[in-house]
Amino acid sequence: MNKIISFSLLLLLITGCSFNQSSKFWTKTEIIQEENKTNIEKIFVEEEALSQEFNPDLKIDLKIDSVKNNFNKDYNNPGTSYFDNDLKDISKYKFSKIDNFEQYEPEILFHQNNLIFFDNKGSILKFNEKKNLIWKKNYYSKSEKKFKPILQFASNENFLVVADNVAKIYKVDLNTGELIWSTSNDAPFNSQIKIFKDKFFIIDFSNTLRCYSLEDGSELWSVNTQNTLIRSKKKLSLVIIDDKVIFNNSIGDISAVNLNNGQLLWQLPTQSTLIFESAFSLKNSNIVSDGKNLIFSNNKNQMFSIDISSGSFNWEAKVNSSIAPIIVDNLIFTVSFEGYLILIEKKSGNIIKVTDIFDGFQSDDRKNILPTGFVIGLNKIYVSTNIGRLLIIEINSGKTISTLKIDNKSISKPFILNDSLFVAKDNAIIKIN
């Protein structure tokens, strides 16, 4: 009798679940495998990324009022700079080699005219403008050094906040490098750090935004978003606008919270739950803002504009890039994975110009070339790549006018300080002027 009941239950499961498409017993993928593949229609069709120029003869002339060093660190928008050097002299700030450098997005921190970075054992290095080491400090145990910590920095005039991918966070004196306090977290950190008055904010690998006291490192509040089992090395980002902290997580949700108490104001998913598994490979650019809107893109051929006050979409454009865009007046500049400089009208989201900046590479070679970041100068755009080349593009035409060989391996996005351009590689900071 028991065997008959068991068989009946099994039959019920097979007929009631396996072949019932409204059932959630099987995943959608397993249902498709049982169907006639010739009759399958793709519900979500990935649109092809831009692969040709558009309006290449359109001339772009930035107004002189726009050409200023209008970096806003709270908004992540570097704007433009008066930088216009010939880039003939190259010098190096050397340190011990960082393993798998190309997988991370370390940033160079500038304090006055000094430069702060780290090496492969988690030592913090402070150099002066003559490339002399001012101080070197390491606050890791012997066992922690084996994990080769990747450090993220934020600073105000007097202090440096450091967080890493081994779940440690600490504060040091910027002038001396001496440790002020140190604490740890349950999960490693992999995001930008933002300091606001007496507190700072950071996101950990569990997709949790945490607010800490700058004074003693105590946690003031935290906001949990959806956690995932897969950990992306793509750094998460956040912006501070008025009384809001707005941040992304690894599956593409954008959340806004009150910076004083962590109260959730709004949350906006950017990826469909029906294709949730694809979010595991999602790579978003840094969020940038003009104070009223958020702009960011991803490797799923999407760029979004979101209204900050309401948390609703303004528009979506087809841009395939996880490089941080730059907002200049009513224009958005970005560079796609395929090697195209793309200009977008900020209000409408219309693509107004596309130029091929990788046209100097052989067609077989360019498939392996990726941009790693860019900055905008007085008349030129400087684009770094994963093969150690720095492309110099004329803003007016959008065409590459020269290519500078820095290295044969990946270099970071460019940074501008005074009359020099800087990029990081696995064992040195390169200064070009």
Protein backbone atom coordinates (compact mmCIF):
# COMPACT_ATOMS: atom_id res chain seq x y z
CA MET A 1 0.00 0.00 0.00
CA ASN A 2 2.82 2.42 0.88
CA LYS A 3 4.47 1.76 -2.48
CA ILE A 4 1.22 2.59 -4.29
CA ILE A 5 0.89 5.87 -2.35
CA SER A 6 4.54 6.76 -3.02
CA PHE A 7 4.14 6.05 -6.70
CA SER A 8 0.98 8.18 -6.83
CA LEU A 9 2.76 11.08 -5.14
CA LEU A 10 5.66 10.79 -7.55
CA LEU A 11 3.29 10.78 -10.50
CA LEU A 12 1.51 13.83 -9.10
CA LEU A 13 4.81 15.69 -8.75
CA ILE A 14 5.84 14.83 -12.29
CA THR A 15 2.54 15.75 -13.92
CA GLY A 16 1.68 18.63 -11.59
CA CYS A 17 5.10 20.28 -11.46
CA SER A 18 7.41 19.29 -14.23
CA PHE A 19 5.05 20.05 -17.09
CA ASN A 20 3.12 22.88 -15.51
CA GLN A 21 4.80 26.11 -16.55
CA SER A 22 3.00 28.10 -13.89
CA SER A 23 4.61 25.93 -11.22
CA LYS A 24 7.77 27.13 -9.46
CA PHE A 25 8.93 23.61 -8.58
CA TRP A 26 11.33 23.55 -11.50
CA THR A 27 13.33 26.51 -12.68
CA LYS A 28 12.52 28.08 -15.99
CA THR A 29 15.80 26.78 -17.41
CA GLU A 30 14.87 23.18 -16.66
CA ILE A 31 11.50 23.59 -18.36
CA ILE A 32 13.13 24.90 -21.52
CA GLN A 33 15.46 21.92 -21.68
CA GLU A 34 12.49 19.57 -21.98
CA GLU A 35 10.77 21.54 -24.74
CA ASN A 36 11.29 21.38 -28.45
CA LYS A 37 14.17 23.81 -28.88
CA THR A 38 13.04 24.79 -32.37
CA ASN A 39 9.94 26.39 -30.84
CA ILE A 40 11.74 28.38 -28.16
CA GLU A 41 11.40 32.15 -28.40
CA LYS A 42 13.83 34.26 -26.39
CA ILE A 43 11.96 36.56 -24.03
CA PHE A 44 14.97 38.73 -23.18
CA VAL A 45 17.04 39.52 -26.24
CA GLU A 46 20.34 41.22 -25.53
CA GLU A 47 20.68 44.19 -27.82
CA GLU A 48 23.97 44.54 -29.58
CA ALA A 49 26.34 47.19 -28.29
CA LEU A 50 27.25 50.17 -30.46
CA SER A 51 29.63 49.05 -33.17
CA GLN A 52 29.72 52.00 -35.54
CA GLU A 53 30.18 55.73 -35.47
CA PHE A 54 27.30 58.19 -35.31
CA ASN A 55 27.52 61.88 -36.21
CA PRO A 56 31.35 61.63 -36.28
CA ASP A 57 31.65 65.05 -37.97
CA LEU A 58 29.70 66.82 -35.24
CA LYS A 59 32.06 69.26 -33.52
CA ILE A 60 32.02 69.58 -29.74
CA ASP A 61 33.18 72.88 -28.32
CA LEU A 62 32.99 73.02 -24.53
CA LYS A 63 32.33 76.49 -23.18
CA ILE A 64 35.20 78.06 -21.29
CA ASP A 65 32.97 78.20 -18.19
CA SER A 66 32.75 74.40 -18.33
CA VAL A 67 36.50 73.94 -18.59
CA LYS A 68 37.37 74.18 -14.95
CA ASN A 69 38.53 71.84 -12.26
CA ASN A 70 35.03 71.30 -10.87
CA PHE A 71 35.58 67.97 -9.14
CA ASN A 72 32.93 67.15 -6.57
CA LYS A 73 34.07 64.16 -4.50
CA ASP A 74 30.62 63.71 -2.96
CA TYR A 75 29.08 63.44 -6.45
CA ASN A 76 31.89 61.31 -8.00
CA ASN A 77 31.96 63.69 -10.96
CA PRO A 78 35.46 64.94 -11.88
CA GLY A 79 34.12 67.35 -14.50
CA THR A 80 36.88 68.93 -16.59
CA SER A 81 40.31 70.38 -15.93
CA TYR A 82 42.60 73.02 -17.40
CA PHE A 83 45.18 70.27 -17.93
CA ASP A 84 46.70 70.41 -21.44
CA ASN A 85 50.31 69.22 -21.18
CA ASP A 86 52.26 67.51 -23.95
CA LEU A 87 52.95 64.41 -21.80
CA LYS A 88 56.61 63.98 -22.70
CA ASP A 89 58.26 63.28 -19.34
CA ILE A 90 57.53 60.05 -17.44
CA SER A 91 58.66 59.25 -13.90
CA LYS A 92 57.72 56.55 -11.37
CA TYR A 93 56.81 56.10 -7.71
CA LYS A 94 57.81 52.47 -7.14
CA PHE A 95 56.47 49.88 -4.67
CA SER A 96 56.21 46.09 -4.33
CA LYS A 97 54.03 44.43 -6.96
CA ILE A 98 50.28 44.04 -6.34
CA ASP A 99 49.05 40.63 -7.50
CA ASN A 100 46.05 40.51 -9.88
CA PHE A 101 46.12 44.30 -10.11
CA GLU A 102 43.88 44.26 -13.19
CA GLN A 103 41.00 42.75 -11.19
CA TYR A 104 40.73 45.72 -8.86
CA GLU A 105 40.10 49.44 -9.15
CA PRO A 106 42.54 51.02 -6.71
CA GLU A 107 42.55 54.80 -6.66
CA ILE A 108 45.37 57.22 -6.05
CA LEU A 109 44.67 59.61 -3.19
CA PHE A 110 46.12 63.11 -3.25
CA HIS A 111 46.65 65.19 -0.14
CA GLN A 112 47.83 68.68 -1.01
CA ASN A 113 50.74 67.91 -3.37
CA ASN A 114 51.44 64.53 -1.84
CA LEU A 115 50.39 61.13 -3.15
CA ILE A 116 49.06 58.18 -1.12
CA PHE A 117 48.88 54.57 -2.30
CA PHE A 118 49.64 51.05 -1.00
CA ASP A 119 51.72 47.97 -1.79
CA ASN A 120 51.10 44.22 -1.94
CA LYS A 121 51.37 43.71 1.85
CA GLY A 122 48.93 46.46 2.75
CA SER A 123 51.54 49.09 3.61
CA ILE A 124 50.31 52.66 3.19
CA LEU A 125 52.78 54.81 1.27
CA LYS A 126 52.93 58.60 1.29
CA PHE A 127 55.13 60.26 -1.35
CA ASN A 128 55.92 63.92 -1.87
CA GLU A 129 55.84 65.60 -5.28
CA LYS A 130 59.54 64.76 -5.81
CA LYS A 131 58.70 61.03 -5.48
CA ASN A 132 60.43 60.77 -2.10
CA LEU A 133 58.76 58.48 0.44
CA ILE A 134 57.57 60.58 3.40
CA TRP A 135 56.33 57.64 5.47
CA LYS A 136 55.40 53.98 5.13
CA LYS A 137 53.06 52.32 7.65
CA ASN A 138 51.68 48.80 7.91
CA TYR A 139 49.01 47.81 10.45
CA TYR A 140 48.53 44.16 9.48
CA SER A 141 49.58 41.03 11.30
CA LYS A 142 51.78 38.43 9.65
CA SER A 143 48.76 36.26 8.83
CA GLU A 144 46.79 39.23 7.44
CA LYS A 145 49.64 40.21 5.14
CA LYS A 146 49.38 36.79 3.45
CA PHE A 147 45.97 37.82 2.13
CA LYS A 148 47.61 40.82 0.39
CA PRO A 149 44.98 43.43 1.34
CA ILE A 150 43.56 45.76 -1.29
CA LEU A 151 43.02 49.17 0.31
CA GLN A 152 40.41 51.87 -0.26
CA PHE A 153 41.03 55.41 1.00
CA ALA A 154 39.13 58.53 1.97
CA SER A 155 40.48 61.62 3.67
CA ASN A 156 39.73 65.03 5.03
CA GLU A 157 42.38 67.63 5.84
CA ASN A 158 43.84 65.75 8.80
CA PHE A 159 42.89 62.09 8.71
CA LEU A 160 42.94 59.09 6.41
CA VAL A 161 40.26 56.37 6.61
CA VAL A 162 41.34 52.99 5.25
CA ALA A 163 39.16 49.94 4.52
CA ASP A 164 40.14 46.66 2.86
CA ASN A 165 39.03 43.31 1.49
CA VAL A 166 39.98 41.46 4.69
CA ALA A 167 37.22 43.24 6.70
CA LYS A 168 39.48 45.71 8.49
CA ILE A 169 38.88 49.43 8.80
CA TYR A 170 41.08 52.02 10.51
CA LYS A 171 42.02 55.69 10.78
CA VAL A 172 45.48 57.20 10.63
CA ASP A 173 46.98 60.66 10.97
CA LEU A 174 47.67 62.04 7.48
CA ASN A 175 50.78 63.91 8.54
CA THR A 176 52.52 61.15 10.50
CA GLY A 177 50.78 57.94 9.42
CA GLU A 178 50.24 56.97 13.06
CA LEU A 179 47.28 54.74 13.85
CA ILE A 180 44.39 56.42 15.71
CA TRP A 181 41.92 53.53 15.89
CA SER A 182 41.24 50.20 14.20
CA THR A 183 38.18 47.94 14.04
CA SER A 184 36.85 45.04 11.99
CA ASN A 185 33.65 43.95 10.27
CA ASP A 186 31.96 40.59 9.66
CA ALA A 187 32.34 40.99 5.89
CA PRO A 188 35.14 42.48 3.78
CA PHE A 189 34.74 45.90 2.18
CA ASN A 190 34.66 46.60 -1.54
CA SER A 191 33.40 50.11 -2.14
CA GLN A 192 34.25 53.76 -2.12
CA ILE A 193 34.38 55.50 1.25
CA LYS A 194 32.62 58.81 1.78
CA ILE A 195 33.37 61.10 4.73
CA PHE A 196 30.69 63.54 5.84
CA LYS A 197 31.43 65.74 8.87
CA ASP A 198 31.84 63.40 11.86
CA LYS A 199 30.89 60.15 10.14
CA PHE A 200 31.77 58.06 7.10
CA PHE A 201 30.00 55.50 4.91
CA ILE A 202 31.09 52.29 3.20
CA ILE A 203 29.49 49.15 1.67
CA ASP A 204 30.65 45.64 2.49
CA PHE A 205 30.50 42.35 0.56
CA SER A 206 27.12 41.49 2.09
CA ASN A 207 25.61 44.50 0.27
CA THR A 208 25.24 46.36 3.55
CA LEU A 209 25.80 50.10 3.80
CA ARG A 210 27.48 50.91 7.11
CA CYS A 211 27.82 54.27 8.83
CA TYR A 212 30.72 54.71 11.25
CA SER A 213 31.81 57.39 13.66
CA LEU A 214 34.91 59.18 12.38
CA GLU A 215 35.90 59.84 15.97
CA ASP A 216 36.27 56.29 17.26
CA GLY A 217 35.17 53.88 14.48
CA SER A 218 32.01 52.72 16.24
CA GLU A 219 29.15 51.67 13.97
CA LEU A 220 26.25 54.13 14.12
CA TRP A 221 23.78 52.35 11.87
CA SER A 222 23.59 49.99 8.88
CA VAL A 223 21.21 49.29 6.00
CA ASN A 224 20.95 45.79 4.56
CA THR A 225 20.10 45.20 0.92
CA GLN A 226 19.79 41.86 -0.85
CA ASN A 227 22.80 39.63 -0.22
CA THR A 228 24.24 37.25 -2.82
CA LEU A 229 26.42 34.17 -2.62
CA ILE A 230 28.70 35.31 -5.43
CA ARG A 231 31.15 38.09 -4.62
CA SER A 232 32.08 40.45 -7.44
CA LYS A 233 35.42 42.24 -7.41
CA LYS A 234 33.73 45.24 -9.05
CA LYS A 235 33.89 48.10 -6.59
CA LEU A 236 30.56 49.51 -5.44
CA SER A 237 29.95 53.24 -5.24
CA LEU A 238 27.99 55.84 -3.31
CA VAL A 239 27.25 59.55 -3.48
CA ILE A 240 26.21 62.07 -0.84
CA ILE A 241 23.61 64.61 -1.92
CA ASP A 242 22.04 66.95 0.63
CA ASP A 243 20.91 64.67 3.48
CA LYS A 244 20.97 61.47 1.42
CA VAL A 245 23.45 58.67 0.88
CA ILE A 246 22.70 56.93 -2.42
CA PHE A 247 24.47 53.68 -3.24
CA ASN A 248 24.37 50.61 -5.45
CA ASN A 249 24.75 46.94 -4.61
CA SER A 250 26.17 44.00 -6.53
CA ILE A 251 22.83 43.03 -8.14
CA GLY A 252 22.05 46.50 -9.45
CA ASP A 253 19.65 47.91 -6.84
CA ILE A 254 19.99 51.65 -6.17
CA SER A 255 19.03 52.74 -2.65
CA ALA A 256 18.70 56.16 -1.01
CA VAL A 257 18.84 56.52 2.77
CA ASN A 258 18.85 59.36 5.25
CA LEU A 259 22.49 59.94 6.18
CA ASN A 260 21.65 60.78 9.80
CA ASN A 261 19.72 57.65 10.76
CA GLY A 262 19.84 55.21 7.81
CA GLN A 263 16.10 55.40 7.13
CA LEU A 264 15.36 53.98 3.68
CA LEU A 265 13.90 56.69 1.44
CA TRP A 266 13.56 54.73 -1.78
CA GLN A 267 15.00 51.72 -3.59
CA LEU A 268 15.03 51.06 -7.32
CA PRO A 269 15.98 47.71 -8.95
CA THR A 270 17.68 48.08 -12.33
CA GLN A 271 17.77 44.37 -13.23
CA SER A 272 14.72 42.17 -13.79
CA THR A 273 14.11 39.43 -11.22
CA LEU A 274 13.23 37.15 -14.15
CA ILE A 275 16.87 37.18 -15.20
CA PHE A 276 18.23 37.34 -11.68
CA GLU A 277 21.03 34.89 -12.45
CA SER A 278 22.54 37.37 -14.91
CA ALA A 279 22.95 39.87 -12.07
CA PHE A 280 25.79 37.73 -10.72
CA SER A 281 27.94 38.91 -13.63
CA LEU A 282 26.74 42.51 -13.41
CA LYS A 283 29.36 45.24 -13.38
CA ASN A 284 28.11 48.76 -12.76
CA SER A 285 30.09 51.92 -13.27
CA ASN A 286 30.49 54.34 -10.40
CA ILE A 287 27.37 56.37 -9.77
CA VAL A 288 27.92 60.02 -10.70
CA SER A 289 25.61 62.95 -10.09
CA ASP A 290 24.93 66.54 -11.00
CA GLY A 291 23.07 67.07 -7.72
CA LYS A 292 19.63 66.32 -9.19
CA ASN A 293 20.15 63.13 -11.18
CA LEU A 294 22.17 59.93 -10.93
CA ILE A 295 23.99 58.65 -14.01
CA PHE A 296 25.62 55.22 -14.34
CA SER A 297 26.01 52.39 -16.83
CA ASN A 298 26.83 48.68 -16.80
CA ASN A 299 28.15 45.75 -18.82
CA LYS A 300 24.58 44.78 -19.79
CA ASN A 301 24.43 47.55 -22.40
CA GLN A 302 22.45 49.91 -20.18
CA MET A 303 22.93 53.48 -19.03
CA PHE A 304 20.42 54.97 -16.62
CA SER A 305 19.43 58.43 -15.47
CA ILE A 306 17.51 58.44 -12.18
CA ASP A 307 15.75 61.33 -10.49
CA ILE A 308 17.20 61.73 -6.99
CA SER A 309 14.11 63.14 -5.30
CA SER A 310 11.66 60.46 -6.48
CA GLY A 311 13.93 57.49 -7.21
CA SER A 312 12.34 57.02 -10.64
CA PHE A 313 13.92 56.50 -14.05
CA ASN A 314 14.39 59.52 -16.28
CA TRP A 315 15.63 57.48 -19.23
CA GLU A 316 17.67 54.48 -20.34
CA ALA A 317 20.24 54.46 -23.16
CA LYS A 318 22.13 51.62 -24.81
CA VAL A 319 25.68 52.05 -23.54
CA ASN A 320 27.94 49.08 -22.79
CA SER A 321 30.39 50.27 -20.15
CA SER A 322 31.28 49.91 -16.47
CA ILE A 323 33.58 52.94 -16.62
CA ALA A 324 32.43 55.98 -14.65
CA PRO A 325 30.84 58.57 -16.98
CA ILE A 326 31.64 62.27 -16.67
CA ILE A 327 28.98 65.00 -16.69
CA VAL A 328 29.85 68.35 -18.27
CA ASP A 329 26.95 70.83 -18.42
CA ASN A 330 24.23 69.09 -20.47
CA LEU A 331 26.56 66.44 -21.87
CA ILE A 332 27.54 63.01 -20.58
CA PHE A 333 30.85 61.55 -21.78
CA THR A 334 31.61 57.84 -21.58
CA VAL A 335 33.72 55.17 -23.30
CA SER A 336 32.29 51.77 -24.21
CA PHE A 337 34.00 48.38 -23.89
CA GLU A 338 34.11 48.26 -27.68
CA GLY A 339 36.28 51.38 -27.84
CA TYR A 340 33.77 54.10 -28.75
CA LEU A 341 33.64 57.57 -27.24
CA ILE A 342 29.94 58.27 -26.67
CA LEU A 343 28.32 61.65 -26.02
CA ILE A 344 24.81 61.74 -24.59
CA GLU A 345 22.43 64.61 -23.97
CA LYS A 346 21.87 64.63 -20.20
CA LYS A 347 18.20 65.67 -20.17
CA SER A 348 16.85 63.37 -22.87
CA GLY A 349 19.32 60.49 -22.90
CA ASN A 350 19.73 60.84 -26.67
CA ILE A 351 23.07 59.71 -28.06
CA ILE A 352 24.34 62.63 -30.11
CA LYS A 353 27.80 61.47 -31.17
CA VAL A 354 29.83 58.23 -31.34
CA THR A 355 33.44 58.03 -32.52
CA ASP A 356 35.77 55.05 -32.77
CA ILE A 357 38.82 55.76 -30.59
CA PHE A 358 40.28 52.25 -31.05
CA ASP A 359 40.55 52.63 -34.83
CA GLY A 360 44.34 52.72 -34.57
CA PHE A 361 44.47 49.09 -33.37
CA GLN A 362 44.35 46.04 -35.60
CA SER A 363 40.90 44.43 -35.73
CA ASP A 364 42.20 41.15 -34.29
CA ASP A 365 43.96 42.96 -31.42
CA ARG A 366 41.16 45.30 -30.38
CA LYS A 367 38.95 42.40 -29.25
CA ASN A 368 41.23 42.03 -26.24
CA ILE A 369 41.56 45.75 -25.49
CA LEU A 370 39.39 47.39 -22.86
CA PRO A 371 39.29 50.97 -21.57
CA THR A 372 39.93 51.27 -17.81
CA GLY A 373 38.96 54.91 -17.30
CA PHE A 374 39.27 58.46 -18.61
CA VAL A 375 39.56 62.12 -17.64
CA ILE A 376 38.73 65.30 -19.54
CA GLY A 377 41.23 68.12 -19.90
CA LEU A 378 41.15 71.50 -21.58
CA ASN A 379 40.99 70.29 -25.19
CA LYS A 380 41.65 66.57 -24.86
CA ILE A 381 40.32 63.40 -23.30
CA TYR A 382 42.78 60.89 -21.84
CA VAL A 383 41.72 57.23 -21.90
CA SER A 384 43.66 54.43 -20.16
CA THR A 385 43.53 50.78 -21.25
CA ASN A 386 44.19 47.26 -20.01
CA ILE A 387 47.22 46.94 -22.32
CA GLY A 388 49.10 49.87 -20.80
CA ARG A 389 48.30 52.41 -23.50
CA LEU A 390 47.06 55.95 -22.88
CA LEU A 391 44.94 57.31 -25.71
CA ILE A 392 44.82 61.07 -26.27
CA ILE A 393 41.60 62.17 -27.95
CA GLU A 394 40.72 65.58 -29.30
CA ILE A 395 37.44 66.74 -27.75
CA ASN A 396 36.34 68.75 -30.78
CA SER A 397 36.56 65.87 -33.25
CA GLY A 398 36.35 62.90 -30.89
CA LYS A 399 39.30 61.30 -32.71
CA THR A 400 42.41 59.72 -31.21
CA ILE A 401 45.36 61.94 -32.09
CA SER A 402 48.13 60.00 -30.33
CA THR A 403 48.80 56.90 -28.22
CA LEU A 404 51.31 56.82 -25.39
CA LYS A 405 52.80 53.51 -24.28
CA ILE A 406 52.99 53.36 -20.47
CA ASP A 407 53.31 49.62 -19.96
CA ASN A 408 52.32 46.28 -21.47
CA LYS A 409 49.83 45.50 -18.70
CA SER A 410 46.74 47.15 -17.28
CA ILE A 411 46.92 50.70 -15.98
CA SER A 412 44.35 52.43 -13.80
CA LYS A 413 42.10 55.27 -14.81
CA PRO A 414 44.00 58.57 -15.11
CA PHE A 415 44.14 61.18 -12.36
CA ILE A 416 45.09 64.84 -12.77
CA LEU A 417 46.86 66.96 -10.17
CA ASN A 418 48.14 70.42 -11.10
CA ASP A 419 50.22 70.04 -14.28
CA SER A 420 50.66 66.27 -14.14
CA LEU A 421 48.69 63.18 -15.08
CA PHE A 422 48.99 60.02 -12.97
CA VAL A 423 48.10 56.37 -13.54
CA ALA A 424 48.71 53.35 -11.31
CA LYS A 425 50.10 50.00 -12.43
CA ASP A 426 50.88 46.85 -10.48
CA ASN A 427 54.22 48.06 -9.09
CA ALA A 428 54.35 51.83 -9.59
CA ILE A 429 52.54 55.12 -9.91
CA ILE A 430 53.38 56.71 -13.25
CA LYS A 431 53.62 60.50 -13.38
CA ILE A 432 53.41 62.10 -16.82
CA ASN A 433 53.93 65.78 -17.57
